Amino acid sequence: MSRETPTTALTQKSQITLPKRIREYLGLAPGDQVRFEIVGHAVRIVPVVSRLEENFGKVTPCNRPEDFRRLREDFEKGVGKEAGEES
């Protein structure tokens, strides 16, 4: 891949559109976050990896399969109990 890409202009709000080749090269999709790093006289655009996605599957659940309906009910009961105590 050539290091040179099409130019882009700043909008009135100082926003830019990343050229398609750059988005594809970095594997970016709408909603993804990037970080800007100043290196000498250049600026690097680095994709930010979601900590949630980065750690997905690293925690073993207590029960397999998880009963999310029961977990939700327990959570709601706890919130209801705390709300009743605050009155």
C-alpha atoms as a PDB file:
ATOM      1  CA  MET A   1       0.000   0.000   0.000  1.00  0.00           C
ATOM      2  CA  SER A   2       1.303   3.405  -0.963  1.00  0.00           C
ATOM      3  CA  ARG A   3       1.991   5.767   1.932  1.00  0.00           C
ATOM      4  CA  GLU A   4       0.284   8.628   0.120  1.00  0.00           C
ATOM      5  CA  THR A   5      -3.499   8.947   0.288  1.00  0.00           C
ATOM      6  CA  PRO A   6      -6.075  11.365  -1.064  1.00  0.00           C
ATOM      7  CA  THR A   7      -6.242  14.695   0.727  1.00  0.00           C
ATOM      8  CA  THR A   8      -9.248  15.821   2.711  1.00  0.00           C
ATOM      9  CA  ALA A   9     -10.355  19.217   4.006  1.00  0.00           C
ATOM     10  CA  LEU A  10     -11.476  20.414   7.418  1.00  0.00           C
ATOM     11  CA  THR A  11     -15.138  21.337   7.713  1.00  0.00           C
ATOM     12  CA  GLN A  12     -16.287  24.513   9.470  1.00  0.00           C
ATOM     13  CA  LYS A  13     -16.420  22.425  12.682  1.00  0.00           C
ATOM     14  CA  SER A  14     -12.786  21.281  12.152  1.00  0.00           C
ATOM     15  CA  GLN A  15     -13.913  17.747  11.279  1.00  0.00           C
ATOM     16  CA  ILE A  16     -12.444  15.508   8.585  1.00  0.00           C
ATOM     17  CA  THR A  17     -13.532  12.394   6.757  1.00  0.00           C
ATOM     18  CA  LEU A  18     -10.962   9.622   6.774  1.00  0.00           C
ATOM     19  CA  PRO A  19     -10.410   8.356   3.238  1.00  0.00           C
ATOM     20  CA  LYS A  20     -11.831   4.891   2.545  1.00  0.00           C
ATOM     21  CA  ARG A  21      -8.348   3.377   2.041  1.00  0.00           C
ATOM     22  CA  ILE A  22      -7.324   4.547   5.531  1.00  0.00           C
ATOM     23  CA  ARG A  23     -10.530   3.236   7.161  1.00  0.00           C
ATOM     24  CA  GLU A  24     -10.082  -0.122   5.453  1.00  0.00           C
ATOM     25  CA  TYR A  25      -6.383  -0.310   6.338  1.00  0.00           C
ATOM     26  CA  LEU A  26      -7.136   0.390  10.016  1.00  0.00           C
ATOM     27  CA  GLY A  27     -10.214  -1.854  10.010  1.00  0.00           C
ATOM     28  CA  LEU A  28     -12.477   0.974  11.151  1.00  0.00           C
ATOM     29  CA  ALA A  29     -16.267   0.946  11.007  1.00  0.00           C
ATOM     30  CA  PRO A  30     -18.828   3.637  11.901  1.00  0.00           C
ATOM     31  CA  GLY A  31     -18.825   4.224  15.658  1.00  0.00           C
ATOM     32  CA  ASP A  32     -15.258   2.962  16.194  1.00  0.00           C
ATOM     33  CA  GLN A  33     -12.949   5.196  18.194  1.00  0.00           C
ATOM     34  CA  VAL A  34      -9.459   6.363  17.253  1.00  0.00           C
ATOM     35  CA  ARG A  35      -6.635   7.956  19.213  1.00  0.00           C
ATOM     36  CA  PHE A  36      -4.286  10.594  17.814  1.00  0.00           C
ATOM     37  CA  GLU A  37      -0.578  10.380  18.681  1.00  0.00           C
ATOM     38  CA  ILE A  38       1.915  13.142  17.939  1.00  0.00           C
ATOM     39  CA  VAL A  39       5.213  11.617  16.823  1.00  0.00           C
ATOM     40  CA  GLY A  40       7.821  14.197  15.919  1.00  0.00           C
ATOM     41  CA  HIS A  41       6.257  16.315  13.183  1.00  0.00           C
ATOM     42  CA  ALA A  42       3.629  13.715  12.271  1.00  0.00           C
ATOM     43  CA  VAL A  43       0.320  12.589  13.717  1.00  0.00           C
ATOM     44  CA  ARG A  44      -0.642   8.920  13.871  1.00  0.00           C
ATOM     45  CA  ILE A  45      -4.228   7.661  13.949  1.00  0.00           C
ATOM     46  CA  VAL A  46      -4.512   4.533  16.070  1.00  0.00           C
ATOM     47  CA  PRO A  47      -7.684   2.440  16.453  1.00  0.00           C
ATOM     48  CA  VAL A  48      -8.858   2.184  20.072  1.00  0.00           C
ATOM     49  CA  VAL A  49      -9.732  -1.383  21.018  1.00  0.00           C
ATOM     50  CA  SER A  50     -12.827  -1.661  23.200  1.00  0.00           C
ATOM     51  CA  ARG A  51     -11.870  -3.029  26.607  1.00  0.00           C
ATOM     52  CA  LEU A  52     -15.114  -4.989  26.588  1.00  0.00           C
ATOM     53  CA  GLU A  53     -14.292  -6.651  23.276  1.00  0.00           C
ATOM     54  CA  GLU A  54     -10.641  -7.075  24.276  1.00  0.00           C
ATOM     55  CA  ASN A  55     -11.627  -9.007  27.411  1.00  0.00           C
ATOM     56  CA  PHE A  56     -14.603 -10.895  26.000  1.00  0.00           C
ATOM     57  CA  GLY A  57     -14.481 -14.522  27.089  1.00  0.00           C
ATOM     58  CA  LYS A  58     -11.705 -14.073  29.667  1.00  0.00           C
ATOM     59  CA  VAL A  59     -14.051 -14.422  32.660  1.00  0.00           C
ATOM     60  CA  THR A  60     -15.537 -17.831  33.330  1.00  0.00           C
ATOM     61  CA  PRO A  61     -19.239 -17.592  34.269  1.00  0.00           C
ATOM     62  CA  CYS A  62     -20.349 -19.002  37.647  1.00  0.00           C
ATOM     63  CA  ASN A  63     -22.940 -21.244  36.013  1.00  0.00           C
ATOM     64  CA  ARG A  64     -23.087 -22.621  32.514  1.00  0.00           C
ATOM     65  CA  PRO A  65     -25.232 -21.648  30.788  1.00  0.00           C
ATOM     66  CA  GLU A  66     -25.961 -18.399  32.613  1.00  0.00           C
ATOM     67  CA  ASP A  67     -29.640 -17.874  33.446  1.00  0.00           C
ATOM     68  CA  PHE A  68     -29.905 -14.238  32.438  1.00  0.00           C
ATOM     69  CA  ARG A  69     -33.627 -14.061  33.211  1.00  0.00           C
ATOM     70  CA  ARG A  70     -32.924 -15.108  36.836  1.00  0.00           C
ATOM     71  CA  LEU A  71     -29.969 -12.709  37.057  1.00  0.00           C
ATOM     72  CA  ARG A  72     -32.167  -9.850  35.822  1.00  0.00           C
ATOM     73  CA  GLU A  73     -34.914 -10.707  38.337  1.00  0.00           C
ATOM     74  CA  ASP A  74     -32.381 -10.843  41.196  1.00  0.00           C
ATOM     75  CA  PHE A  75     -30.953  -7.499  40.102  1.00  0.00           C
ATOM     76  CA  GLU A  76     -34.391  -5.870  39.934  1.00  0.00           C
ATOM     77  CA  LYS A  77     -35.328  -7.247  43.377  1.00  0.00           C
ATOM     78  CA  GLY A  78     -32.094  -5.819  44.805  1.00  0.00           C
ATOM     79  CA  VAL A  79     -32.730  -2.413  43.246  1.00  0.00           C
ATOM     80  CA  GLY A  80     -36.321  -2.474  44.536  1.00  0.00           C
ATOM     81  CA  LYS A  81     -35.123  -3.361  48.030  1.00  0.00           C
ATOM     82  CA  GLU A  82     -32.544  -0.539  48.007  1.00  0.00           C
ATOM     83  CA  ALA A  83     -35.151   1.930  46.739  1.00  0.00           C
ATOM     84  CA  GLY A  84     -37.523   0.904  49.541  1.00  0.00           C
ATOM     85  CA  GLU A  85     -34.802   1.418  52.157  1.00  0.00           C
ATOM     86  CA  GLU A  86     -34.107   4.966  50.925  1.00  0.00           C
ATOM     87  CA  SER A  87     -37.698   6.110  51.566  1.00  0.00           C
END
